[in-house]
Amino acid sequence: QVQLVESGGGLVQAGGSLRLSCLASGSIAKVSVMAWYRQAPGKQRELVARITIGGITNYAESVKGRSTISRDYAKHTVYLEMNSMKPEDTAVYYCNLYNPFSRNDYWGQGTQVTVSS
């Protein structure tokens, strides 16, 4: 069973920056697509950013240009750095791991990010 542990959430002022980390147990992360999703109160969970096994990234339009997803293969960790944060970025952020070989999908417990205006 793969476990994902997120960290780095918290309270940040509008215009500030935040870096989230997600540590995956085991080496499966090296051969998996990893992503960050978020869910705001009363809204559906949405993709924020994704990074493939080969390091190709894609972002939601709402965060493009002010967010960077990256991964450290040796540490089995994926990061999400967000800048120029807005109150509408407030949500619970979830780490996701998808292994295309087993087609298994794993989620972290989530970390709260609150952006104050």
Protein backbone atom coordinates (compact mmCIF):
# COMPACT_ATOMS: atom_id res chain seq x y z
CA GLN A 1 0.00 0.00 0.00
CA VAL A 2 1.39 3.36 -1.01
CA GLN A 3 1.17 6.18 1.50
CA LEU A 4 1.37 9.84 0.60
CA VAL A 5 2.14 12.41 3.27
CA GLU A 6 1.63 16.07 2.49
CA SER A 7 3.20 18.95 4.36
CA GLY A 8 3.68 22.67 3.99
CA GLY A 9 0.13 23.91 4.20
CA GLY A 10 -0.95 26.76 6.40
CA LEU A 11 -2.00 30.37 6.44
CA VAL A 12 -0.48 32.81 3.97
CA GLN A 13 -1.32 36.38 3.07
CA ALA A 14 -2.51 37.28 -0.38
CA GLY A 15 0.50 37.85 -2.61
CA GLY A 16 2.62 35.48 -0.60
CA SER A 17 4.18 32.14 -1.45
CA LEU A 18 3.92 28.59 -0.24
CA ARG A 19 5.62 25.30 -0.99
CA LEU A 20 3.84 22.03 -0.48
CA SER A 21 5.63 18.70 -0.27
CA CYS A 22 4.36 15.18 -0.73
CA LEU A 23 6.44 12.21 0.31
CA ALA A 24 5.54 8.85 -1.18
CA SER A 25 6.40 5.62 0.60
CA GLY A 26 8.53 3.29 -1.46
CA SER A 27 10.09 3.72 -4.86
CA ILE A 28 6.85 3.44 -6.81
CA ALA A 29 6.82 7.21 -7.13
CA LYS A 30 9.70 6.96 -9.61
CA VAL A 31 7.42 5.24 -12.11
CA SER A 32 4.24 7.15 -11.40
CA VAL A 33 2.53 10.30 -12.46
CA MET A 34 2.20 12.64 -9.53
CA ALA A 35 -0.16 15.53 -9.15
CA TRP A 36 -1.69 18.07 -6.82
CA TYR A 37 -5.43 18.57 -6.59
CA ARG A 38 -7.42 20.94 -4.44
CA GLN A 39 -10.92 21.15 -3.10
CA ALA A 40 -12.48 24.32 -1.83
CA PRO A 41 -15.58 24.27 0.38
CA GLY A 42 -18.67 23.50 -1.66
CA LYS A 43 -16.67 22.82 -4.81
CA GLN A 44 -15.47 19.76 -6.65
CA ARG A 45 -11.91 18.57 -6.40
CA GLU A 46 -9.86 20.00 -9.25
CA LEU A 47 -6.46 19.37 -10.74
CA VAL A 48 -3.88 22.01 -9.89
CA ALA A 49 -0.75 20.58 -11.49
CA ARG A 50 0.61 17.29 -12.76
CA ILE A 51 4.07 15.97 -13.51
CA THR A 52 4.71 12.86 -15.55
CA ILE A 53 7.34 10.20 -15.03
CA GLY A 54 9.50 11.99 -17.57
CA GLY A 55 9.02 15.38 -15.93
CA ILE A 56 6.47 16.90 -18.28
CA THR A 57 4.21 19.29 -16.43
CA ASN A 58 0.78 20.76 -16.91
CA TYR A 59 -1.18 23.26 -14.85
CA ALA A 60 -4.68 24.49 -14.31
CA GLU A 61 -5.26 27.82 -16.01
CA SER A 62 -6.01 29.40 -12.64
CA VAL A 63 -2.46 28.76 -11.36
CA LYS A 64 -0.45 28.78 -14.58
CA GLY A 65 2.43 31.21 -14.48
CA ARG A 66 2.56 31.43 -10.71
CA SER A 67 2.99 27.79 -9.74
CA THR A 68 5.68 25.20 -10.25
CA ILE A 69 5.40 21.47 -9.74
CA SER A 70 8.62 19.52 -9.44
CA ARG A 71 9.79 16.14 -8.24
CA ASP A 72 12.82 14.63 -6.58
CA TYR A 73 13.08 11.05 -7.79
CA ALA A 74 15.65 10.09 -5.18
CA LYS A 75 13.51 11.39 -2.32
CA HIS A 76 10.20 10.08 -3.73
CA THR A 77 8.84 13.56 -3.25
CA VAL A 78 6.79 15.96 -5.31
CA TYR A 79 6.59 19.67 -4.61
CA LEU A 80 4.19 22.43 -5.47
CA GLU A 81 5.39 25.98 -5.17
CA MET A 82 2.79 28.69 -5.46
CA ASN A 83 3.47 32.40 -5.71
CA SER A 84 1.28 35.50 -5.83
CA MET A 85 -1.32 33.60 -3.91
CA LYS A 86 -4.95 34.67 -3.95
CA PRO A 87 -7.83 34.12 -1.54
CA GLU A 88 -9.40 31.86 -4.17
CA ASP A 89 -6.45 29.50 -3.75
CA THR A 90 -7.84 28.62 -0.34
CA ALA A 91 -8.59 24.89 -0.31
CA VAL A 92 -7.48 21.53 0.94
CA TYR A 93 -4.63 20.40 -1.28
CA TYR A 94 -4.26 16.71 -2.02
CA CYS A 95 -1.33 14.81 -3.40
CA ASN A 96 -2.12 12.12 -5.97
CA LEU A 97 -0.04 9.30 -7.35
CA TYR A 98 -1.09 7.34 -10.41
CA ASN A 99 0.87 4.33 -11.48
CA PRO A 100 0.15 3.65 -15.17
CA PHE A 101 1.47 0.09 -15.01
CA SER A 102 -0.80 -1.14 -12.22
CA ARG A 103 -3.42 1.54 -12.92
CA ASN A 104 -3.64 2.17 -9.20
CA ASP A 105 -4.48 5.59 -7.84
CA TYR A 106 -3.46 6.85 -4.40
CA TRP A 107 -4.34 9.97 -2.41
CA GLY A 108 -2.85 11.75 0.53
CA GLN A 109 -4.88 12.98 3.49
CA GLY A 110 -4.74 16.58 2.33
CA THR A 111 -3.26 19.74 3.73
CA GLN A 112 -5.18 22.95 4.33
CA VAL A 113 -4.04 26.11 2.60
CA THR A 114 -5.71 29.35 3.59
CA VAL A 115 -4.96 32.64 1.86
CA SER A 116 -6.04 35.73 3.74
CA SER A 117 -6.91 38.95 1.94
